[in-house]
């Protein structure tokens, strides 16, 4: 599996999440990051579990003309 540290990450929009593991999609074996989102988001309550493709989780994106990591490890 990809070497991704477990723990807290900060999203480029400012929210914090906690990565708890990496899973495989049962249909295509794509690596997915499993994380807990402590705050309400997208109409869901607090402390919800989310998955995101690993490649998307670790990618660098352009924000306000600057290249930034989508999620930055904070411990």
Protein backbone atom coordinates (compact mmCIF):
# COMPACT_ATOMS: atom_id res chain seq x y z
CA UNK A 1 0.00 0.00 0.00
CA UNK A 2 0.99 3.62 -0.50
CA UNK A 3 2.99 5.13 2.35
CA UNK A 4 0.51 7.62 3.82
CA UNK A 5 0.79 8.59 7.47
CA UNK A 6 -2.25 8.03 9.64
CA UNK A 7 -3.32 11.01 11.69
CA UNK A 8 -4.60 14.53 11.24
CA UNK A 9 -4.58 16.41 7.94
CA UNK A 10 -5.66 19.91 7.06
CA UNK A 11 -7.68 20.42 3.87
CA UNK A 12 -6.66 23.38 1.73
CA UNK A 13 -10.00 25.04 2.63
CA UNK A 14 -9.05 24.90 6.34
CA UNK A 15 -10.98 21.97 7.79
CA UNK A 16 -9.21 19.16 9.60
CA UNK A 17 -9.79 15.44 9.13
CA UNK A 18 -8.29 12.30 10.64
CA UNK A 19 -7.00 9.59 8.30
CA UNK A 20 -7.62 6.16 9.79
CA UNK A 21 -6.51 3.92 6.94
CA UNK A 22 -6.24 2.98 3.29
CA UNK A 23 -8.81 0.66 1.72
CA UNK A 24 -9.18 -1.00 -1.66
CA UNK A 25 -12.25 -0.46 -3.80
CA UNK A 26 -13.76 -3.94 -4.24
CA UNK A 27 -14.67 -3.30 -7.88
CA UNK A 28 -11.43 -1.93 -9.32
CA UNK A 29 -8.84 -2.23 -6.50
CA UNK A 30 -8.32 1.55 -6.48
CA UNK A 31 -6.65 2.71 -3.27
CA UNK A 32 -8.97 4.86 -1.16
CA UNK A 33 -8.14 6.99 1.88
CA UNK A 34 -10.56 6.43 4.77
CA UNK A 35 -10.96 9.43 7.04
CA UNK A 36 -13.18 10.84 9.76
CA UNK A 37 -14.59 14.33 9.33
CA UNK A 38 -15.35 15.73 12.81
CA UNK A 39 -17.38 18.74 11.59
CA UNK A 40 -20.70 18.78 9.74
CA UNK A 41 -20.09 18.88 5.97
CA UNK A 42 -22.24 18.67 2.83
CA UNK A 43 -25.47 18.40 4.80
CA UNK A 44 -24.21 15.51 6.93
CA UNK A 45 -23.79 15.52 10.70
CA UNK A 46 -20.51 15.62 12.58
CA UNK A 47 -18.11 12.68 12.95
CA UNK A 48 -18.87 11.17 9.55
CA UNK A 49 -16.65 8.66 7.75
CA UNK A 50 -15.49 9.48 4.23
CA UNK A 51 -13.39 7.90 1.48
CA UNK A 52 -11.48 9.61 -1.30
CA UNK A 53 -9.23 8.15 -3.98
CA UNK A 54 -5.62 8.16 -2.74
CA UNK A 55 -4.38 9.89 -5.89
CA UNK A 56 -6.85 12.74 -5.30
CA UNK A 57 -6.09 12.92 -1.56
CA UNK A 58 -2.34 13.44 -2.10
CA UNK A 59 -2.53 15.62 -5.21
CA UNK A 60 -1.34 19.18 -5.55
CA UNK A 61 -3.93 21.63 -6.86
CA UNK A 62 -3.98 25.26 -7.95
CA UNK A 63 -5.68 27.63 -5.50
CA UNK A 64 -5.64 31.42 -5.98
CA UNK A 65 -2.78 31.12 -8.46
CA UNK A 66 -0.64 29.00 -6.10
CA UNK A 67 0.06 25.28 -6.09
CA UNK A 68 -0.97 23.70 -2.75
CA UNK A 69 -1.49 20.20 -1.44
CA UNK A 70 -5.15 19.19 -1.19
CA UNK A 71 -4.44 17.72 2.27
CA UNK A 72 -1.40 18.60 4.41
CA UNK A 73 -0.26 16.28 7.22
CA UNK A 74 -0.35 18.07 10.60
CA UNK A 75 0.14 15.20 13.00
